[in-house]
Amino acid sequence: MELDPHPISGAWDYGFSLDRHIRSSEFLGYNEYGHPHFNTERTEIGELLYRLKYRGDEAAVNPIAEAASAFIRTWKPGIEVIVPAPPSKARPKQPLFQIADEIGKLLGTPVDKTSVRKTSATPELKNLDQTKRIEALAGAHSIEGQALSGRRVLLLDDLYQSGATLNAITILLKGAGGAAAVFALALTRARKW
């Protein structure tokens, strides 16, 4: 899979996004329900994420995880555990958790899906501006136990839009979680980045 990695800045020690999510999006008008309709061209990894999250296409998990694992191997951040960001939307199967589990298998690295907990419901952040994202995330997560204390953590998310989620969780991981280092990896990024 062809990727276009890009460094991302935040409270973490170092971070990357693997590629843009969308290459182009052209407004076509409104559909019969009054909703805007677009002709959207996604990157390869963006299309796979879209199919997994919104179409339930679990065949997308392996190619995403393989691309992420290959990148992590060349990056070499020296991670000891993978922590996927808790989801903002309840689903029968959490796509990011599925991807994290597969990355963990490919790298031989444990995945911790329980230490970072969602303590309050938040709206889907992709539709909020930066100020509203920060407000929605205030106190929305907690750290359970000491499993991440002293460890080098790879914090995984599917989309980097403003960094608000990754920043909020990184601050928790380094503070209450006692993580030795936090490395952020977003599978895709918004077009503005």
Protein backbone atom coordinates (compact mmCIF):
# COMPACT_ATOMS: atom_id res chain seq x y z
CA MET A 1 0.00 0.00 0.00
CA GLU A 2 1.33 3.42 -0.92
CA LEU A 3 1.35 5.84 2.03
CA ASP A 4 2.29 9.47 2.58
CA PRO A 5 3.41 9.63 6.26
CA HIS A 6 3.42 13.03 7.88
CA PRO A 7 4.69 14.05 11.35
CA ILE A 8 2.03 15.27 13.78
CA SER A 9 2.75 17.49 16.77
CA GLY A 10 1.18 17.35 20.20
CA ALA A 11 1.75 16.38 23.83
CA TRP A 12 3.19 13.01 22.73
CA ASP A 13 6.93 12.40 22.31
CA TYR A 14 6.68 11.90 18.55
CA GLY A 15 3.88 11.07 16.16
CA PHE A 16 2.85 10.38 12.59
CA SER A 17 -0.20 10.02 10.44
CA LEU A 18 0.14 7.45 7.69
CA ASP A 19 -1.75 9.25 4.92
CA ARG A 20 -4.55 11.68 4.18
CA HIS A 21 -8.04 10.22 4.52
CA ILE A 22 -9.52 12.00 1.49
CA ARG A 23 -7.77 13.00 -1.74
CA SER A 24 -10.60 15.15 -3.06
CA SER A 25 -14.27 15.84 -2.43
CA GLU A 26 -16.58 17.62 -4.84
CA PHE A 27 -19.97 18.94 -3.70
CA LEU A 28 -22.67 17.59 -6.02
CA GLY A 29 -25.76 19.10 -4.43
CA TYR A 30 -28.39 17.86 -2.01
CA ASN A 31 -30.05 14.45 -2.04
CA GLU A 32 -33.79 13.80 -1.75
CA TYR A 33 -33.55 14.10 2.05
CA GLY A 34 -31.85 17.51 1.92
CA HIS A 35 -28.42 16.12 2.90
CA PRO A 36 -25.32 17.34 1.07
CA HIS A 37 -23.98 14.85 -1.45
CA PHE A 38 -20.29 14.66 -2.45
CA ASN A 39 -18.16 12.80 -4.94
CA THR A 40 -15.33 11.76 -2.62
CA GLU A 41 -12.04 10.17 -3.60
CA ARG A 42 -10.23 8.61 -0.65
CA THR A 43 -6.65 7.43 -0.34
CA GLU A 44 -6.18 3.66 -0.30
CA ILE A 45 -5.99 3.47 3.49
CA GLY A 46 -8.81 6.05 3.77
CA GLU A 47 -11.06 3.88 1.61
CA LEU A 48 -10.23 0.77 3.65
CA LEU A 49 -11.05 2.60 6.91
CA TYR A 50 -14.30 3.88 5.42
CA ARG A 51 -15.30 0.38 4.30
CA LEU A 52 -14.47 -1.07 7.72
CA LYS A 53 -16.19 1.62 9.82
CA TYR A 54 -19.25 2.34 7.72
CA ARG A 55 -19.77 -0.79 5.63
CA GLY A 56 -18.64 -3.44 8.13
CA ASP A 57 -16.04 -4.79 5.66
CA GLU A 58 -13.75 -6.74 8.00
CA ALA A 59 -11.53 -7.75 5.07
CA ALA A 60 -10.10 -4.21 5.39
CA VAL A 61 -8.54 -4.93 8.82
CA ASN A 62 -5.53 -6.93 7.60
CA PRO A 63 -4.28 -4.55 4.87
CA ILE A 64 -4.60 -1.58 7.23
CA ALA A 65 -2.75 -3.42 10.01
CA GLU A 66 -0.07 -4.66 7.62
CA ALA A 67 0.58 -1.12 6.33
CA ALA A 68 0.70 0.30 9.87
CA SER A 69 2.97 -2.50 11.11
CA ALA A 70 5.38 -2.03 8.20
CA PHE A 71 5.56 1.69 9.00
CA ILE A 72 6.12 1.07 12.73
CA ARG A 73 8.96 -1.34 11.90
CA THR A 74 10.76 1.35 9.87
CA TRP A 75 9.95 4.10 12.40
CA LYS A 76 11.27 2.02 15.35
CA PRO A 77 9.81 3.99 18.29
CA GLY A 78 10.64 1.13 20.69
CA ILE A 79 7.05 0.65 21.86
CA GLU A 80 6.11 -1.85 24.57
CA VAL A 81 2.32 -1.67 24.34
CA ILE A 82 -0.34 -0.48 21.88
CA VAL A 83 -3.25 1.56 23.25
CA PRO A 84 -6.10 2.31 20.84
CA ALA A 85 -8.10 5.46 21.54
CA PRO A 86 -11.49 4.59 23.05
CA PRO A 87 -14.30 4.95 20.50
CA SER A 88 -16.78 7.80 20.58
CA LYS A 89 -19.52 5.68 18.98
CA ALA A 90 -20.78 2.33 20.25
CA ARG A 91 -20.57 -0.45 17.66
CA PRO A 92 -20.92 -4.24 17.98
CA LYS A 93 -17.24 -4.48 16.92
CA GLN A 94 -14.90 -1.54 17.32
CA PRO A 95 -12.92 -1.08 14.09
CA LEU A 96 -9.92 0.58 15.77
CA PHE A 97 -9.73 -2.22 18.34
CA GLN A 98 -9.76 -4.80 15.53
CA ILE A 99 -6.92 -2.98 13.77
CA ALA A 100 -4.94 -2.59 17.01
CA ASP A 101 -5.28 -6.32 17.77
CA GLU A 102 -3.99 -7.21 14.30
CA ILE A 103 -1.08 -4.75 14.55
CA GLY A 104 -0.25 -6.26 17.94
CA LYS A 105 -0.17 -9.76 16.42
CA LEU A 106 2.00 -8.66 13.52
CA LEU A 107 4.49 -6.86 15.78
CA GLY A 108 4.34 -9.27 18.72
CA THR A 109 3.33 -6.35 20.93
CA PRO A 110 0.57 -6.46 23.57
CA VAL A 111 -2.56 -4.38 23.07
CA ASP A 112 -4.22 -2.70 26.06
CA LYS A 113 -7.86 -1.77 25.41
CA THR A 114 -8.87 -1.38 29.05
CA SER A 115 -6.44 1.02 30.78
CA VAL A 116 -7.78 4.11 29.00
CA ARG A 117 -11.51 4.35 29.64
CA LYS A 118 -14.22 6.63 28.39
CA THR A 119 -15.83 8.16 31.50
CA SER A 120 -18.51 10.18 29.75
CA ALA A 121 -20.23 10.11 26.41
CA THR A 122 -18.93 12.47 23.75
CA PRO A 123 -20.39 13.33 20.39
CA GLU A 124 -18.54 12.23 17.25
CA LEU A 125 -15.71 14.73 17.19
CA LYS A 126 -15.29 14.91 13.42
CA ASN A 127 -18.27 17.29 13.20
CA LEU A 128 -17.06 19.70 15.93
CA ASP A 129 -14.69 22.66 15.73
CA GLN A 130 -11.50 22.70 17.83
CA THR A 131 -13.00 24.58 20.79
CA LYS A 132 -16.01 22.27 20.99
CA ARG A 133 -13.75 19.19 20.72
CA ILE A 134 -11.67 20.32 23.69
CA GLU A 135 -14.84 21.04 25.68
CA ALA A 136 -16.32 17.62 24.77
CA LEU A 137 -13.11 15.83 25.80
CA ALA A 138 -12.65 17.59 29.17
CA GLY A 139 -12.84 14.80 31.73
CA ALA A 140 -14.09 12.32 29.12
CA HIS A 141 -11.31 9.75 29.77
CA SER A 142 -9.63 8.14 32.74
CA ILE A 143 -6.78 5.75 33.42
CA GLU A 144 -7.60 2.46 35.12
CA GLY A 145 -4.81 0.76 37.07
CA GLN A 146 -1.04 0.97 36.60
CA ALA A 147 -0.54 -1.38 33.63
CA LEU A 148 1.00 1.42 31.52
CA SER A 149 3.27 2.85 34.22
CA GLY A 150 6.89 3.08 33.04
CA ARG A 151 6.04 1.73 29.57
CA ARG A 152 6.57 3.09 26.07
CA VAL A 153 3.09 3.42 24.60
CA LEU A 154 1.92 3.59 21.00
CA LEU A 155 -1.33 5.56 21.10
CA LEU A 156 -3.36 4.60 18.02
CA ASP A 157 -6.24 6.51 16.43
CA ASP A 158 -7.97 6.24 13.07
CA LEU A 159 -8.22 9.92 12.09
CA TYR A 160 -6.10 12.94 13.03
CA GLN A 161 -8.18 16.04 12.57
CA SER A 162 -7.10 18.46 15.27
CA GLY A 163 -5.18 16.23 17.68
CA ALA A 164 -7.64 16.96 20.52
CA THR A 165 -8.33 13.30 21.34
CA LEU A 166 -4.70 12.21 21.09
CA ASN A 167 -3.57 15.19 23.22
CA ALA A 168 -6.17 14.57 25.94
CA ILE A 169 -5.26 10.88 26.18
CA THR A 170 -1.50 11.53 26.00
CA ILE A 171 -1.72 13.93 28.95
CA LEU A 172 -3.54 11.22 30.93
CA LEU A 173 -1.07 8.53 29.90
CA LYS A 174 1.93 10.60 30.95
CA GLY A 175 0.26 11.92 34.12
CA ALA A 176 -2.05 9.48 35.89
CA GLY A 177 -0.89 6.57 33.72
CA GLY A 178 2.81 7.11 34.40
CA ALA A 179 3.82 6.14 30.84
CA ALA A 180 7.55 6.52 30.17
CA ALA A 181 6.88 7.76 26.61
CA VAL A 182 3.90 8.14 24.29
CA PHE A 183 4.12 7.85 20.52
CA ALA A 184 1.03 8.79 18.50
CA LEU A 185 0.04 7.07 15.28
CA ALA A 186 -3.02 8.17 13.34
CA LEU A 187 -3.93 5.93 10.44
CA THR A 188 -5.23 8.89 8.42
CA ARG A 189 -5.36 12.68 8.67
CA ALA A 190 -7.82 15.33 7.58
CA ARG A 191 -7.03 17.04 4.27
CA LYS A 192 -5.92 20.29 5.91
CA TRP A 193 -2.83 18.52 7.25
